[in-house]
PDB file of N, CA and C in Angstrom:
ATOM      1  N   GLN A   1      -1.746  19.255 -28.188  1.00  0.00           N
ATOM      2  CA  GLN A   1      -1.852  17.809 -28.328  1.00  0.00           C
ATOM      3  C   GLN A   1      -0.572  17.267 -28.945  1.00  0.00           C
ATOM      4  N   PHE A   2      -0.325  15.984 -28.673  1.00  0.00           N
ATOM      5  CA  PHE A   2       0.884  15.339 -29.156  1.00  0.00           C
ATOM      6  C   PHE A   2       0.514  14.053 -29.887  1.00  0.00           C
ATOM      7  N   GLY A   3       1.374  13.615 -30.789  1.00  0.00           N
ATOM      8  CA  GLY A   3       1.125  12.415 -31.568  1.00  0.00           C
ATOM      9  C   GLY A   3       0.440  12.767 -32.877  1.00  0.00           C
ATOM     10  N   THR A   4       0.578  11.881 -33.855  1.00  0.00           N
ATOM     11  CA  THR A   4       0.010  12.160 -35.175  1.00  0.00           C
ATOM     12  C   THR A   4      -1.512  12.241 -35.157  1.00  0.00           C
ATOM     13  N   ALA A   5      -2.148  11.556 -34.227  1.00  0.00           N
ATOM     14  CA  ALA A   5      -3.608  11.604 -34.128  1.00  0.00           C
ATOM     15  C   ALA A   5      -4.053  12.254 -32.813  1.00  0.00           C
ATOM     16  N   GLY A   6      -3.160  13.013 -32.180  1.00  0.00           N
ATOM     17  CA  GLY A   6      -3.519  13.676 -30.923  1.00  0.00           C
ATOM     18  C   GLY A   6      -3.748  12.711 -29.780  1.00  0.00           C
ATOM     19  N   GLU A   7      -2.929  11.633 -29.708  1.00  0.00           N
ATOM     20  CA  GLU A   7      -3.124  10.597 -28.689  1.00  0.00           C
ATOM     21  C   GLU A   7      -2.811  11.054 -27.271  1.00  0.00           C
ATOM     22  N   ALA A   8      -2.084  12.161 -27.121  1.00  0.00           N
ATOM     23  CA  ALA A   8      -1.719  12.644 -25.793  1.00  0.00           C
ATOM     24  C   ALA A   8      -1.872  14.159 -25.742  1.00  0.00           C
ATOM     25  N   SER A   9      -2.078  14.651 -24.514  1.00  0.00           N
ATOM     26  CA  SER A   9      -2.217  16.096 -24.378  1.00  0.00           C
ATOM     27  C   SER A   9      -1.804  16.534 -22.973  1.00  0.00           C
ATOM     28  N   ILE A  10      -1.469  17.815 -22.868  1.00  0.00           N
ATOM     29  CA  ILE A  10      -1.239  18.470 -21.585  1.00  0.00           C
ATOM     30  C   ILE A  10      -2.154  19.684 -21.578  1.00  0.00           C
ATOM     31  N   GLU A  11      -2.934  19.825 -20.513  1.00  0.00           N
ATOM     32  CA  GLU A  11      -3.917  20.900 -20.452  1.00  0.00           C
ATOM     33  C   GLU A  11      -4.022  21.412 -19.027  1.00  0.00           C
ATOM     34  N   TYR A  12      -4.180  22.722 -18.879  1.00  0.00           N
ATOM     35  CA  TYR A  12      -4.528  23.266 -17.578  1.00  0.00           C
ATOM     36  C   TYR A  12      -6.026  23.510 -17.587  1.00  0.00           C
ATOM     37  N   ASP A  13      -6.749  22.851 -16.700  1.00  0.00           N
ATOM     38  CA  ASP A  13      -8.210  22.902 -16.652  1.00  0.00           C
ATOM     39  C   ASP A  13      -8.649  24.102 -15.806  1.00  0.00           C
ATOM     40  N   GLU A  14      -8.634  25.274 -16.398  1.00  0.00           N
ATOM     41  CA  GLU A  14      -8.969  26.526 -15.713  1.00  0.00           C
ATOM     42  C   GLU A  14     -10.431  26.582 -15.298  1.00  0.00           C
ATOM     43  N   ASN A  15     -11.317  26.009 -16.092  1.00  0.00           N
ATOM     44  CA  ASN A  15     -12.755  26.133 -15.843  1.00  0.00           C
ATOM     45  C   ASN A  15     -13.354  24.919 -15.139  1.00  0.00           C
ATOM     46  N   GLY A  16     -12.536  24.053 -14.615  1.00  0.00           N
ATOM     47  CA  GLY A  16     -13.063  22.852 -13.956  1.00  0.00           C
ATOM     48  C   GLY A  16     -12.362  22.574 -12.654  1.00  0.00           C
ATOM     49  N   THR A  17     -11.313  21.784 -12.711  1.00  0.00           N
ATOM     50  CA  THR A  17     -10.646  21.310 -11.503  1.00  0.00           C
ATOM     51  C   THR A  17      -9.448  22.150 -11.088  1.00  0.00           C
ATOM     52  N   ASP A  18      -9.043  23.107 -11.931  1.00  0.00           N
ATOM     53  CA  ASP A  18      -7.806  23.879 -11.716  1.00  0.00           C
ATOM     54  C   ASP A  18      -6.606  22.946 -11.564  1.00  0.00           C
ATOM     55  N   GLU A  19      -6.562  21.930 -12.405  1.00  0.00           N
ATOM     56  CA  GLU A  19      -5.474  20.952 -12.389  1.00  0.00           C
ATOM     57  C   GLU A  19      -4.722  20.995 -13.711  1.00  0.00           C
ATOM     58  N   LEU A  20      -3.429  20.679 -13.641  1.00  0.00           N
ATOM     59  CA  LEU A  20      -2.649  20.427 -14.841  1.00  0.00           C
ATOM     60  C   LEU A  20      -2.892  18.966 -15.178  1.00  0.00           C
ATOM     61  N   ARG A  21      -3.442  18.695 -16.342  1.00  0.00           N
ATOM     62  CA  ARG A  21      -3.878  17.349 -16.680  1.00  0.00           C
ATOM     63  C   ARG A  21      -3.035  16.777 -17.826  1.00  0.00           C
ATOM     64  N   PHE A  22      -2.496  15.578 -17.580  1.00  0.00           N
ATOM     65  CA  PHE A  22      -1.764  14.836 -18.598  1.00  0.00           C
ATOM     66  C   PHE A  22      -2.704  13.745 -19.090  1.00  0.00           C
ATOM     67  N   ALA A  23      -2.905  13.634 -20.385  1.00  0.00           N
ATOM     68  CA  ALA A  23      -3.801  12.612 -20.920  1.00  0.00           C
ATOM     69  C   ALA A  23      -3.065  11.805 -21.978  1.00  0.00           C
ATOM     70  N   GLY A  24      -3.370  10.523 -22.026  1.00  0.00           N
ATOM     71  CA  GLY A  24      -2.752   9.616 -22.981  1.00  0.00           C
ATOM     72  C   GLY A  24      -2.674   8.236 -22.380  1.00  0.00           C
ATOM     73  N   ASN A  25      -2.029   7.313 -23.071  1.00  0.00           N
ATOM     74  CA  ASN A  25      -1.909   5.943 -22.568  1.00  0.00           C
ATOM     75  C   ASN A  25      -1.095   5.869 -21.292  1.00  0.00           C
ATOM     76  N   ALA A  26      -0.030   6.664 -21.190  1.00  0.00           N
ATOM     77  CA  ALA A  26       0.834   6.653 -20.008  1.00  0.00           C
ATOM     78  C   ALA A  26       1.684   7.911 -20.020  1.00  0.00           C
ATOM     79  N   ALA A  27       2.250   8.233 -18.883  1.00  0.00           N
ATOM     80  CA  ALA A  27       3.193   9.342 -18.790  1.00  0.00           C
ATOM     81  C   ALA A  27       4.462   8.799 -18.156  1.00  0.00           C
ATOM     82  N   THR A  28       5.589   9.062 -18.789  1.00  0.00           N
ATOM     83  CA  THR A  28       6.879   8.612 -18.278  1.00  0.00           C
ATOM     84  C   THR A  28       7.717   9.830 -17.949  1.00  0.00           C
ATOM     85  N   PHE A  29       8.244   9.863 -16.723  1.00  0.00           N
ATOM     86  CA  PHE A  29       9.128  10.946 -16.308  1.00  0.00           C
ATOM     87  C   PHE A  29      10.543  10.383 -16.319  1.00  0.00           C
ATOM     88  N   GLU A  30      11.421  10.984 -17.095  1.00  0.00           N
ATOM     89  CA  GLU A  30      12.787  10.488 -17.260  1.00  0.00           C
ATOM     90  C   GLU A  30      13.687  10.844 -16.084  1.00  0.00           C
ATOM     91  N   GLN A  31      13.274  11.787 -15.245  1.00  0.00           N
ATOM     92  CA  GLN A  31      14.070  12.234 -14.112  1.00  0.00           C
ATOM     93  C   GLN A  31      13.249  12.075 -12.839  1.00  0.00           C
ATOM     94  N   ASP A  32      13.851  12.388 -11.685  1.00  0.00           N
ATOM     95  CA  ASP A  32      13.129  12.370 -10.413  1.00  0.00           C
ATOM     96  C   ASP A  32      11.952  13.330 -10.471  1.00  0.00           C
ATOM     97  N   VAL A  33      10.892  12.984  -9.747  1.00  0.00           N
ATOM     98  CA  VAL A  33       9.720  13.839  -9.654  1.00  0.00           C
ATOM     99  C   VAL A  33       9.521  14.182  -8.186  1.00  0.00           C
ATOM    100  N   THR A  34       9.345  15.445  -7.881  1.00  0.00           N
ATOM    101  CA  THR A  34       9.145  15.914  -6.513  1.00  0.00           C
ATOM    102  C   THR A  34       7.756  16.517  -6.397  1.00  0.00           C
ATOM    103  N   PHE A  35       7.037  16.131  -5.343  1.00  0.00           N
ATOM    104  CA  PHE A  35       5.718  16.691  -5.074  1.00  0.00           C
ATOM    105  C   PHE A  35       5.815  17.480  -3.774  1.00  0.00           C
ATOM    106  N   ASP A  36       5.257  18.675  -3.764  1.00  0.00           N
ATOM    107  CA  ASP A  36       5.327  19.541  -2.589  1.00  0.00           C
ATOM    108  C   ASP A  36       4.085  19.466  -1.716  1.00  0.00           C
ATOM    109  N   ASN A  37       3.172  18.543  -2.001  1.00  0.00           N
ATOM    110  CA  ASN A  37       1.944  18.453  -1.234  1.00  0.00           C
ATOM    111  C   ASN A  37       1.474  16.999  -1.257  1.00  0.00           C
ATOM    112  N   ASP A  38       0.266  16.749  -0.794  1.00  0.00           N
ATOM    113  CA  ASP A  38      -0.283  15.394  -0.797  1.00  0.00           C
ATOM    114  C   ASP A  38      -0.380  14.856  -2.220  1.00  0.00           C
ATOM    115  N   VAL A  39      -0.262  13.522  -2.343  1.00  0.00           N
ATOM    116  CA  VAL A  39      -0.342  12.864  -3.644  1.00  0.00           C
ATOM    117  C   VAL A  39      -1.343  11.732  -3.546  1.00  0.00           C
ATOM    118  N   THR A  40      -2.247  11.660  -4.491  1.00  0.00           N
ATOM    119  CA  THR A  40      -3.193  10.556  -4.581  1.00  0.00           C
ATOM    120  C   THR A  40      -2.867   9.752  -5.831  1.00  0.00           C
ATOM    121  N   LEU A  41      -2.668   8.443  -5.646  1.00  0.00           N
ATOM    122  CA  LEU A  41      -2.401   7.555  -6.775  1.00  0.00           C
ATOM    123  C   LEU A  41      -3.609   6.654  -6.949  1.00  0.00           C
ATOM    124  N   GLY A  42      -4.288   6.794  -8.063  1.00  0.00           N
ATOM    125  CA  GLY A  42      -5.501   6.027  -8.303  1.00  0.00           C
ATOM    126  C   GLY A  42      -6.710   6.775  -7.787  1.00  0.00           C
ATOM    127  N   VAL A  43      -7.859   6.440  -8.348  1.00  0.00           N
ATOM    128  CA  VAL A  43      -9.107   7.105  -7.938  1.00  0.00           C
ATOM    129  C   VAL A  43     -10.163   6.121  -7.446  1.00  0.00           C
ATOM    130  N   ARG A  44      -9.930   4.815  -7.654  1.00  0.00           N
ATOM    131  CA  ARG A  44     -10.884   3.794  -7.223  1.00  0.00           C
ATOM    132  C   ARG A  44     -10.163   2.757  -6.378  1.00  0.00           C
ATOM    133  N   ALA A  45     -10.919   2.043  -5.556  1.00  0.00           N
ATOM    134  CA  ALA A  45     -10.325   0.998  -4.716  1.00  0.00           C
ATOM    135  C   ALA A  45      -9.690  -0.101  -5.564  1.00  0.00           C
ATOM    136  N   GLU A  46     -10.149  -0.288  -6.785  1.00  0.00           N
ATOM    137  CA  GLU A  46      -9.623  -1.345  -7.659  1.00  0.00           C
ATOM    138  C   GLU A  46      -8.317  -0.947  -8.336  1.00  0.00           C
ATOM    139  N   ASP A  47      -7.949   0.346  -8.289  1.00  0.00           N
ATOM    140  CA  ASP A  47      -6.716   0.802  -8.925  1.00  0.00           C
ATOM    141  C   ASP A  47      -5.516   0.169  -8.242  1.00  0.00           C
ATOM    142  N   VAL A  48      -4.467  -0.098  -8.993  1.00  0.00           N
ATOM    143  CA  VAL A  48      -3.248  -0.716  -8.471  1.00  0.00           C
ATOM    144  C   VAL A  48      -2.083   0.231  -8.703  1.00  0.00           C
ATOM    145  N   THR A  49      -1.295   0.450  -7.672  1.00  0.00           N
ATOM    146  CA  THR A  49      -0.069   1.234  -7.784  1.00  0.00           C
ATOM    147  C   THR A  49       1.096   0.279  -7.595  1.00  0.00           C
ATOM    148  N   THR A  50       1.994   0.228  -8.572  1.00  0.00           N
ATOM    149  CA  THR A  50       3.119  -0.696  -8.538  1.00  0.00           C
ATOM    150  C   THR A  50       4.408   0.085  -8.339  1.00  0.00           C
ATOM    151  N   VAL A  51       5.210  -0.366  -7.393  1.00  0.00           N
ATOM    152  CA  VAL A  51       6.522   0.217  -7.154  1.00  0.00           C
ATOM    153  C   VAL A  51       7.538  -0.862  -7.504  1.00  0.00           C
ATOM    154  N   THR A  52       8.336  -0.621  -8.541  1.00  0.00           N
ATOM    155  CA  THR A  52       9.297  -1.638  -8.960  1.00  0.00           C
ATOM    156  C   THR A  52      10.595  -1.563  -8.168  1.00  0.00           C
ATOM    157  N   GLY A  53      10.852  -0.450  -7.541  1.00  0.00           N
ATOM    158  CA  GLY A  53      12.054  -0.291  -6.720  1.00  0.00           C
ATOM    159  C   GLY A  53      11.714  -0.392  -5.257  1.00  0.00           C
ATOM    160  N   ARG A  54      12.313   0.439  -4.478  1.00  0.00           N
ATOM    161  CA  ARG A  54      12.135   0.430  -3.027  1.00  0.00           C
ATOM    162  C   ARG A  54      11.189   1.563  -2.646  1.00  0.00           C
ATOM    163  N   LEU A  55      10.251   1.282  -1.765  1.00  0.00           N
ATOM    164  CA  LEU A  55       9.309   2.282  -1.275  1.00  0.00           C
ATOM    165  C   LEU A  55       9.738   2.680   0.125  1.00  0.00           C
ATOM    166  N   THR A  56      10.003   3.960   0.344  1.00  0.00           N
ATOM    167  CA  THR A  56      10.465   4.409   1.646  1.00  0.00           C
ATOM    168  C   THR A  56       9.553   5.524   2.172  1.00  0.00           C
ATOM    169  N   ALA A  57       9.575   5.702   3.461  1.00  0.00           N
ATOM    170  CA  ALA A  57       8.816   6.776   4.096  1.00  0.00           C
ATOM    171  C   ALA A  57       9.720   7.445   5.113  1.00  0.00           C
ATOM    172  N   SER A  58       9.876   8.752   5.024  1.00  0.00           N
ATOM    173  CA  SER A  58      10.790   9.455   5.919  1.00  0.00           C
ATOM    174  C   SER A  58      10.168   9.774   7.271  1.00  0.00           C
ATOM    175  N   VAL A  59       8.841   9.719   7.383  1.00  0.00           N
ATOM    176  CA  VAL A  59       8.178  10.063   8.638  1.00  0.00           C
ATOM    177  C   VAL A  59       7.254   8.930   9.075  1.00  0.00           C
ATOM    178  N   GLY A  60       7.478   7.725   8.594  1.00  0.00           N
ATOM    179  CA  GLY A  60       6.626   6.595   8.942  1.00  0.00           C
ATOM    180  C   GLY A  60       5.568   6.372   7.878  1.00  0.00           C
ATOM    181  N   ALA A  61       4.791   5.340   8.074  1.00  0.00           N
ATOM    182  CA  ALA A  61       3.726   5.003   7.133  1.00  0.00           C
ATOM    183  C   ALA A  61       2.469   4.698   7.929  1.00  0.00           C
ATOM    184  N   MET A  62       1.316   4.989   7.364  1.00  0.00           N
ATOM    185  CA  MET A  62       0.043   4.765   8.045  1.00  0.00           C
ATOM    186  C   MET A  62      -0.826   3.858   7.190  1.00  0.00           C
ATOM    187  N   ILE A  63      -1.256   2.759   7.771  1.00  0.00           N
ATOM    188  CA  ILE A  63      -2.208   1.859   7.128  1.00  0.00           C
ATOM    189  C   ILE A  63      -3.527   2.070   7.864  1.00  0.00           C
ATOM    190  N   PRO A  64      -4.598   2.414   7.163  1.00  0.00           N
ATOM    191  CA  PRO A  64      -5.880   2.676   7.848  1.00  0.00           C
ATOM    192  C   PRO A  64      -6.407   1.443   8.590  1.00  0.00           C
ATOM    193  N   ASP A  65      -7.322   1.671   9.532  1.00  0.00           N
ATOM    194  CA  ASP A  65      -7.981   0.589  10.260  1.00  0.00           C
ATOM    195  C   ASP A  65      -8.673  -0.352   9.284  1.00  0.00           C
ATOM    196  N   ASP A  66      -8.708  -1.635   9.653  1.00  0.00           N
ATOM    197  CA  ASP A  66      -9.467  -2.654   8.928  1.00  0.00           C
ATOM    198  C   ASP A  66      -9.017  -2.834   7.482  1.00  0.00           C
ATOM    199  N   VAL A  67      -7.737  -2.580   7.229  1.00  0.00           N
ATOM    200  CA  VAL A  67      -7.166  -2.788   5.902  1.00  0.00           C
ATOM    201  C   VAL A  67      -6.005  -3.759   6.052  1.00  0.00           C
ATOM    202  N   LYS A  68      -5.982  -4.786   5.221  1.00  0.00           N
ATOM    203  CA  LYS A  68      -4.912  -5.779   5.288  1.00  0.00           C
ATOM    204  C   LYS A  68      -3.723  -5.335   4.447  1.00  0.00           C
ATOM    205  N   LEU A  69      -2.521  -5.476   5.011  1.00  0.00           N
ATOM    206  CA  LEU A  69      -1.272  -5.272   4.301  1.00  0.00           C
ATOM    207  C   LEU A  69      -0.788  -6.666   3.920  1.00  0.00           C
ATOM    208  N   TYR A  70      -0.871  -6.998   2.637  1.00  0.00           N
ATOM    209  CA  TYR A  70      -0.600  -8.358   2.173  1.00  0.00           C
ATOM    210  C   TYR A  70       0.870  -8.572   1.853  1.00  0.00           C
ATOM    211  N   PHE A  71       1.316  -9.818   2.020  1.00  0.00           N
ATOM    212  CA  PHE A  71       2.659 -10.248   1.667  1.00  0.00           C
ATOM    213  C   PHE A  71       2.546 -11.498   0.808  1.00  0.00           C
ATOM    214  N   GLY A  72       3.450 -11.628  -0.157  1.00  0.00           N
ATOM    215  CA  GLY A  72       3.464 -12.801  -1.028  1.00  0.00           C
ATOM    216  C   GLY A  72       2.739 -12.522  -2.329  1.00  0.00           C
ATOM    217  N   ASP A  73       3.199 -13.182  -3.386  1.00  0.00           N
ATOM    218  CA  ASP A  73       2.600 -13.000  -4.707  1.00  0.00           C
ATOM    219  C   ASP A  73       1.131 -13.397  -4.740  1.00  0.00           C
ATOM    220  N   SER A  74       0.737 -14.332  -3.907  1.00  0.00           N
ATOM    221  CA  SER A  74      -0.658 -14.774  -3.861  1.00  0.00           C
ATOM    222  C   SER A  74      -1.343 -14.324  -2.573  1.00  0.00           C
ATOM    223  N   GLU A  75      -0.801 -13.286  -1.943  1.00  0.00           N
ATOM    224  CA  GLU A  75      -1.359 -12.740  -0.704  1.00  0.00           C
ATOM    225  C   GLU A  75      -1.481 -13.815   0.376  1.00  0.00           C
ATOM    226  N   GLU A  76      -0.402 -14.603   0.554  1.00  0.00           N
ATOM    227  CA  GLU A  76      -0.427 -15.716   1.508  1.00  0.00           C
ATOM    228  C   GLU A  76      -0.442 -15.265   2.963  1.00  0.00           C
ATOM    229  N   SER A  77       0.016 -14.059   3.239  1.00  0.00           N
ATOM    230  CA  SER A  77       0.094 -13.577   4.616  1.00  0.00           C
ATOM    231  C   SER A  77      -0.359 -12.126   4.664  1.00  0.00           C
ATOM    232  N   HIS A  78      -0.762 -11.701   5.873  1.00  0.00           N
ATOM    233  CA  HIS A  78      -1.152 -10.303   6.002  1.00  0.00           C
ATOM    234  C   HIS A  78      -1.016  -9.823   7.446  1.00  0.00           C
ATOM    235  N   ILE A  79      -0.995  -8.501   7.591  1.00  0.00           N
ATOM    236  CA  ILE A  79      -1.070  -7.823   8.880  1.00  0.00           C
ATOM    237  C   ILE A  79      -2.298  -6.923   8.805  1.00  0.00           C
ATOM    238  N   GLU A  80      -3.094  -6.919   9.876  1.00  0.00           N
ATOM    239  CA  GLU A  80      -4.287  -6.065   9.887  1.00  0.00           C
ATOM    240  C   GLU A  80      -4.596  -5.630  11.316  1.00  0.00           C
ATOM    241  N   TYR A  81      -4.927  -4.345  11.494  1.00  0.00           N
ATOM    242  CA  TYR A  81      -5.483  -3.898  12.761  1.00  0.00           C
ATOM    243  C   TYR A  81      -6.994  -3.908  12.593  1.00  0.00           C
ATOM    244  N   ASN A  82      -7.668  -4.767  13.356  1.00  0.00           N
ATOM    245  CA  ASN A  82      -9.096  -5.017  13.205  1.00  0.00           C
ATOM    246  C   ASN A  82      -9.886  -4.094  14.136  1.00  0.00           C
ATOM    247  N   GLU A  83     -10.076  -2.853  13.727  1.00  0.00           N
ATOM    248  CA  GLU A  83     -10.774  -1.854  14.538  1.00  0.00           C
ATOM    249  C   GLU A  83     -12.257  -2.188  14.687  1.00  0.00           C
ATOM    250  N   ASN A  84     -12.879  -2.659  13.634  1.00  0.00           N
ATOM    251  CA  ASN A  84     -14.322  -2.948  13.663  1.00  0.00           C
ATOM    252  C   ASN A  84     -14.653  -4.315  14.266  1.00  0.00           C
ATOM    253  N   GLY A  85     -13.656  -5.062  14.639  1.00  0.00           N
ATOM    254  CA  GLY A  85     -13.902  -6.393  15.195  1.00  0.00           C
ATOM    255  C   GLY A  85     -13.451  -6.474  16.638  1.00  0.00           C
ATOM    256  N   ASP A  86     -12.340  -7.137  16.857  1.00  0.00           N
ATOM    257  CA  ASP A  86     -11.877  -7.393  18.223  1.00  0.00           C
ATOM    258  C   ASP A  86     -10.791  -6.423  18.694  1.00  0.00           C
ATOM    259  N   ASP A  87     -10.469  -5.414  17.898  1.00  0.00           N
ATOM    260  CA  ASP A  87      -9.407  -4.453  18.214  1.00  0.00           C
ATOM    261  C   ASP A  87      -8.048  -5.121  18.383  1.00  0.00           C
ATOM    262  N   HIS A  88      -7.804  -6.198  17.671  1.00  0.00           N
ATOM    263  CA  HIS A  88      -6.521  -6.889  17.726  1.00  0.00           C
ATOM    264  C   HIS A  88      -5.708  -6.596  16.479  1.00  0.00           C
ATOM    265  N   LEU A  89      -4.399  -6.623  16.642  1.00  0.00           N
ATOM    266  CA  LEU A  89      -3.494  -6.600  15.503  1.00  0.00           C
ATOM    267  C   LEU A  89      -3.269  -8.048  15.113  1.00  0.00           C
ATOM    268  N   THR A  90      -3.619  -8.386  13.896  1.00  0.00           N
ATOM    269  CA  THR A  90      -3.519  -9.762  13.435  1.00  0.00           C
ATOM    270  C   THR A  90      -2.313  -9.917  12.520  1.00  0.00           C
ATOM    271  N   LEU A  91      -1.448 -10.879  12.847  1.00  0.00           N
ATOM    272  CA  LEU A  91      -0.356 -11.306  11.982  1.00  0.00           C
ATOM    273  C   LEU A  91      -0.763 -12.679  11.487  1.00  0.00           C
ATOM    274  N   SER A  92      -1.006 -12.815  10.210  1.00  0.00           N
ATOM    275  CA  SER A  92      -1.552 -14.061   9.694  1.00  0.00           C
ATOM    276  C   SER A  92      -0.686 -14.612   8.575  1.00  0.00           C
ATOM    277  N   GLY A  93      -0.403 -15.909   8.655  1.00  0.00           N
ATOM    278  CA  GLY A  93       0.336 -16.595   7.602  1.00  0.00           C
ATOM    279  C   GLY A  93      -0.341 -17.910   7.290  1.00  0.00           C
ATOM    280  N   THR A  94      -0.341 -18.317   6.032  1.00  0.00           N
ATOM    281  CA  THR A  94      -1.035 -19.553   5.664  1.00  0.00           C
ATOM    282  C   THR A  94      -0.365 -20.777   6.262  1.00  0.00           C
ATOM    283  N   VAL A  95       0.949 -20.725   6.483  1.00  0.00           N
ATOM    284  CA  VAL A  95       1.653 -21.864   7.063  1.00  0.00           C
ATOM    285  C   VAL A  95       1.942 -21.625   8.538  1.00  0.00           C
ATOM    286  N   GLY A  96       2.235 -20.400   8.903  1.00  0.00           N
ATOM    287  CA  GLY A  96       2.542 -20.062  10.290  1.00  0.00           C
ATOM    288  C   GLY A  96       3.123 -18.671  10.363  1.00  0.00           C
ATOM    289  N   VAL A  97       3.372 -18.222  11.572  1.00  0.00           N
ATOM    290  CA  VAL A  97       3.956 -16.904  11.807  1.00  0.00           C
ATOM    291  C   VAL A  97       5.163 -17.102  12.714  1.00  0.00           C
ATOM    292  N   VAL A  98       6.284 -16.515  12.343  1.00  0.00           N
ATOM    293  CA  VAL A  98       7.498 -16.599  13.143  1.00  0.00           C
ATOM    294  C   VAL A  98       7.810 -15.196  13.653  1.00  0.00           C
ATOM    295  N   VAL A  99       7.989 -15.070  14.965  1.00  0.00           N
ATOM    296  CA  VAL A  99       8.440 -13.815  15.561  1.00  0.00           C
ATOM    297  C   VAL A  99       9.886 -14.057  15.954  1.00  0.00           C
ATOM    298  N   SER A 100      10.786 -13.269  15.402  1.00  0.00           N
ATOM    299  CA  SER A 100      12.201 -13.547  15.557  1.00  0.00           C
ATOM    300  C   SER A 100      12.947 -12.299  15.994  1.00  0.00           C
ATOM    301  N   GLY A 101      13.997 -12.485  16.756  1.00  0.00           N
ATOM    302  CA  GLY A 101      14.844 -11.383  17.188  1.00  0.00           C
ATOM    303  C   GLY A 101      15.717 -11.827  18.326  1.00  0.00           C
ATOM    304  N   SER A 102      16.691 -10.980  18.699  1.00  0.00           N
ATOM    305  CA  SER A 102      17.556 -11.355  19.811  1.00  0.00           C
ATOM    306  C   SER A 102      16.769 -11.385  21.112  1.00  0.00           C
ATOM    307  N   SER A 103      15.661 -10.619  21.165  1.00  0.00           N
ATOM    308  CA  SER A 103      14.730 -10.737  22.280  1.00  0.00           C
ATOM    309  C   SER A 103      13.343 -10.383  21.760  1.00  0.00           C
ATOM    310  N   VAL A 104      12.341 -11.029  22.299  1.00  0.00           N
ATOM    311  CA  VAL A 104      10.951 -10.761  21.929  1.00  0.00           C
ATOM    312  C   VAL A 104      10.213 -10.429  23.207  1.00  0.00           C
ATOM    313  N   VAL A 105       9.572  -9.264  23.248  1.00  0.00           N
ATOM    314  CA  VAL A 105       8.857  -8.810  24.434  1.00  0.00           C
ATOM    315  C   VAL A 105       7.367  -8.784  24.114  1.00  0.00           C
ATOM    316  N   VAL A 106       6.581  -9.407  24.986  1.00  0.00           N
ATOM    317  CA  VAL A 106       5.134  -9.407  24.850  1.00  0.00           C
ATOM    318  C   VAL A 106       4.571  -8.777  26.113  1.00  0.00           C
ATOM    319  N   ASP A 107       3.760  -7.724  25.943  1.00  0.00           N
ATOM    320  CA  ASP A 107       3.181  -7.034  27.087  1.00  0.00           C
ATOM    321  C   ASP A 107       1.726  -7.414  27.286  1.00  0.00           C
ATOM    322  N   SER A 108       1.180  -6.978  28.406  1.00  0.00           N
ATOM    323  CA  SER A 108      -0.226  -7.155  28.765  1.00  0.00           C
ATOM    324  C   SER A 108      -0.513  -8.628  29.007  1.00  0.00           C
ATOM    325  N   SER A 109      -1.752  -9.026  28.858  1.00  0.00           N
ATOM    326  CA  SER A 109      -2.095 -10.437  29.084  1.00  0.00           C
ATOM    327  C   SER A 109      -1.613 -11.233  27.897  1.00  0.00           C
ATOM    328  N   THR A 110      -0.939 -12.305  28.153  1.00  0.00           N
ATOM    329  CA  THR A 110      -0.337 -13.107  27.098  1.00  0.00           C
ATOM    330  C   THR A 110      -0.937 -14.504  27.090  1.00  0.00           C
ATOM    331  N   ALA A 111      -1.398 -14.907  25.927  1.00  0.00           N
ATOM    332  CA  ALA A 111      -1.897 -16.267  25.775  1.00  0.00           C
ATOM    333  C   ALA A 111      -1.104 -16.911  24.647  1.00  0.00           C
ATOM    334  N   VAL A 112      -0.415 -17.985  24.956  1.00  0.00           N
ATOM    335  CA  VAL A 112       0.332 -18.722  23.958  1.00  0.00           C
ATOM    336  C   VAL A 112      -0.243 -20.113  23.884  1.00  0.00           C
ATOM    337  N   ILE A 113      -0.738 -20.467  22.717  1.00  0.00           N
ATOM    338  CA  ILE A 113      -1.359 -21.773  22.541  1.00  0.00           C
ATOM    339  C   ILE A 113      -0.543 -22.552  21.518  1.00  0.00           C
ATOM    340  N   LYS A 114      -0.090 -23.705  21.921  1.00  0.00           N
ATOM    341  CA  LYS A 114       0.675 -24.535  21.010  1.00  0.00           C
ATOM    342  C   LYS A 114      -0.290 -25.458  20.284  1.00  0.00           C
ATOM    343  N   ALA A 115      -0.155 -25.455  18.960  1.00  0.00           N
ATOM    344  CA  ALA A 115      -1.016 -26.327  18.155  1.00  0.00           C
ATOM    345  C   ALA A 115      -0.620 -27.782  18.371  1.00  0.00           C
ATOM    346  N   PRO A 116      -1.588 -28.673  18.317  1.00  0.00           N
ATOM    347  CA  PRO A 116      -1.286 -30.089  18.503  1.00  0.00           C
ATOM    348  C   PRO A 116      -0.361 -30.587  17.370  1.00  0.00           C
ATOM    349  N   THR A 117       0.524 -31.496  17.714  1.00  0.00           N
ATOM    350  CA  THR A 117       1.431 -32.075  16.728  1.00  0.00           C
ATOM    351  C   THR A 117       0.639 -32.969  15.786  1.00  0.00           C
ATOM    352  N   GLN A 118       0.866 -32.747  14.491  1.00  0.00           N
ATOM    353  CA  GLN A 118       0.160 -33.565  13.503  1.00  0.00           C
ATOM    354  C   GLN A 118       0.927 -34.837  13.242  1.00  0.00           C
ATOM    355  N   VAL A 119       0.202 -35.902  13.041  1.00  0.00           N
ATOM    356  CA  VAL A 119       0.820 -37.206  12.805  1.00  0.00           C
ATOM    357  C   VAL A 119       0.692 -37.565  11.355  1.00  0.00           C
TER     358      VAL A 119
END
């Protein structure tokens, strides 16, 4: 245990989970940390993982079906693949959605609806 009142500890749980367990208010790693296998951050849906720098993926990233990827401090916009609904990929913005590029290609059946001009 560490701290004057044993506020932190490092333990190998041989008789339970077979995990190396860090306990205390927080753990700070002063250097890079490398994981050689899968990593789970958080144990409940309400847990929040914050990345203060840049988050990168060397082999792509996977967002599960029916989960919104939010943008904006107040979650003003999102992207979602709606597997349990209409099987559409939804790009949603509270003010609008802009698709931009030197060329934009839309495949399959295309429906473009222009909203009426507001007065």
